[in-house]
């Protein structure tokens, strides 16, 4: 009976999916992970690349994890602009799902972000001056 319990435990552990998490610096593994590019004070373009077996839910969770690490307060605004899973082609044998990629603008101040990744409040047109009659 004890052997069966150990076998079941090992089988369950063998089925666990571990997704690499770390910087994509081009010098050290992993091939999958995150990269951020500064886009102003406390603002970033955050990219997350995962292995083909990663679900998009896992990818979003890793994106949120890195956003929380960058924004120490945990208060941030995001605007995703890329979420794709390219197809990897194998010559005449067809294709398979490739590495999923998530990219988005991250604002650690928590302000609104427009489509260009800039602070919407700072780039808004000034209110017209009141007219005197």
Protein backbone atom coordinates (compact mmCIF):
# COMPACT_ATOMS: atom_id res chain seq x y z
CA UNK A 1 0.00 0.00 0.00
CA UNK A 2 2.84 2.36 0.84
CA UNK A 3 4.39 1.71 -2.57
CA UNK A 4 1.13 2.68 -4.28
CA UNK A 5 0.95 5.96 -2.32
CA UNK A 6 4.53 6.85 -3.29
CA UNK A 7 3.87 5.92 -6.93
CA UNK A 8 0.75 8.09 -7.05
CA UNK A 9 2.63 11.01 -5.47
CA UNK A 10 5.46 10.74 -8.01
CA UNK A 11 2.96 10.46 -10.86
CA UNK A 12 1.19 13.64 -9.71
CA UNK A 13 4.48 15.53 -9.38
CA UNK A 14 5.53 14.37 -12.82
CA UNK A 15 2.42 15.94 -14.27
CA UNK A 16 3.15 19.40 -12.85
CA UNK A 17 3.78 22.09 -15.41
CA UNK A 18 6.64 24.44 -14.58
CA UNK A 19 6.94 27.54 -16.69
CA UNK A 20 10.31 29.33 -16.62
CA UNK A 21 10.22 32.84 -15.19
CA UNK A 22 13.15 35.21 -15.43
CA UNK A 23 14.61 38.05 -17.48
CA UNK A 24 15.10 37.80 -21.23
CA UNK A 25 18.52 39.42 -21.22
CA UNK A 26 20.00 37.38 -24.07
CA UNK A 27 22.92 36.27 -21.93
CA UNK A 28 21.53 33.68 -19.55
CA UNK A 29 18.67 31.18 -19.74
CA UNK A 30 15.68 31.07 -19.80
CA UNK A 31 14.63 31.50 -23.40
CA UNK A 32 11.25 32.38 -21.97
CA UNK A 33 10.52 35.14 -19.53
CA UNK A 34 10.06 38.90 -19.39
CA UNK A 35 11.65 42.04 -20.76
CA UNK A 36 10.73 45.59 -19.90
CA UNK A 37 11.70 48.80 -21.67
CA UNK A 38 11.42 52.12 -19.86
CA UNK A 39 8.87 54.41 -21.47
CA UNK A 40 9.12 57.37 -19.07
CA UNK A 41 9.27 57.65 -15.30
CA UNK A 42 7.55 54.62 -13.74
CA UNK A 43 6.30 53.56 -17.17
CA UNK A 44 7.30 50.49 -19.14
CA UNK A 45 6.57 48.39 -22.17
CA UNK A 46 6.44 44.91 -20.64
CA UNK A 47 6.92 41.82 -22.81
CA UNK A 48 6.36 38.24 -21.67
CA UNK A 49 7.37 35.23 -23.80
CA UNK A 50 6.40 31.72 -22.71
CA UNK A 51 6.89 28.14 -23.85
CA UNK A 52 4.43 26.58 -26.29
CA UNK A 53 2.79 24.58 -23.48
CA UNK A 54 1.92 27.73 -21.48
CA UNK A 55 -1.73 28.71 -21.36
CA UNK A 56 -2.67 32.31 -22.01
CA UNK A 57 -4.00 32.44 -18.44
CA UNK A 58 -0.52 31.49 -17.16
CA UNK A 59 1.00 34.15 -19.42
CA UNK A 60 -1.31 36.84 -18.04
CA UNK A 61 -0.49 35.74 -14.48
CA UNK A 62 3.25 36.03 -15.19
CA UNK A 63 2.71 39.47 -16.79
CA UNK A 64 0.83 40.60 -13.69
CA UNK A 65 3.54 39.14 -11.45
CA UNK A 66 6.27 41.13 -13.21
CA UNK A 67 4.11 44.26 -13.18
CA UNK A 68 3.78 43.88 -9.41
CA UNK A 69 7.56 43.50 -9.07
CA UNK A 70 8.18 46.68 -11.09
CA UNK A 71 5.46 48.67 -9.34
CA UNK A 72 6.32 48.13 -5.69
CA UNK A 73 3.06 49.70 -4.51
CA UNK A 74 1.03 47.18 -6.49
CA UNK A 75 -0.95 50.10 -7.93
CA UNK A 76 -0.62 50.08 -11.70
CA UNK A 77 -2.53 50.53 -14.92
CA UNK A 78 -2.03 48.27 -17.92
CA UNK A 79 -2.98 48.44 -21.57
CA UNK A 80 -2.27 45.26 -23.51
CA UNK A 81 -1.50 45.68 -27.20
CA UNK A 82 -0.20 42.25 -28.19
CA UNK A 83 -1.41 38.78 -27.24
CA UNK A 84 -0.51 36.12 -29.76
CA UNK A 85 0.51 32.52 -30.15
CA UNK A 86 2.33 32.18 -33.46
CA UNK A 87 2.25 28.86 -35.27
CA UNK A 88 5.51 26.95 -35.56
CA UNK A 89 5.70 25.22 -38.94
CA UNK A 90 7.43 21.88 -39.39
CA UNK A 91 8.05 21.72 -43.13
CA UNK A 92 5.66 19.27 -44.76
CA UNK A 93 4.39 17.94 -41.45
CA UNK A 94 2.12 20.83 -40.56
CA UNK A 95 2.34 23.14 -37.59
CA UNK A 96 2.00 23.39 -33.85
CA UNK A 97 1.30 26.20 -31.42
CA UNK A 98 4.38 28.35 -30.88
CA UNK A 99 5.60 30.42 -27.95
CA UNK A 100 2.88 32.78 -26.66
CA UNK A 101 3.76 36.47 -26.45
CA UNK A 102 2.12 39.18 -24.34
CA UNK A 103 3.05 42.85 -24.58
CA UNK A 104 1.54 45.88 -22.98
CA UNK A 105 2.06 49.32 -21.51
CA UNK A 106 2.54 49.47 -17.76
CA UNK A 107 2.12 52.63 -15.68
CA UNK A 108 3.24 52.25 -12.08
CA UNK A 109 1.60 55.51 -11.04
CA UNK A 110 -1.80 54.02 -11.78
CA UNK A 111 -2.84 56.75 -14.20
CA UNK A 112 -4.80 56.12 -17.40
CA UNK A 113 -2.82 55.04 -20.48
CA UNK A 114 -3.79 55.93 -24.03
CA UNK A 115 -3.21 53.76 -27.12
CA UNK A 116 0.30 55.21 -27.64
CA UNK A 117 1.36 54.24 -24.11
CA UNK A 118 1.43 57.79 -22.80
CA UNK A 119 -0.33 59.31 -19.82
CA UNK A 120 -3.77 60.24 -21.13
CA UNK A 121 -4.25 62.97 -18.53
CA UNK A 122 -0.90 64.62 -19.33
CA UNK A 123 -1.46 64.59 -23.10
CA UNK A 124 -5.08 65.70 -23.04
CA UNK A 125 -5.78 69.01 -24.72
CA UNK A 126 -6.05 71.86 -22.24
CA UNK A 127 -9.52 73.06 -21.43
CA UNK A 128 -10.52 76.13 -23.44
CA UNK A 129 -10.30 79.42 -21.60
CA UNK A 130 -13.66 80.82 -20.52
CA UNK A 131 -14.97 83.53 -22.81
CA UNK A 132 -15.72 86.94 -21.37
CA UNK A 133 -18.84 88.59 -22.72
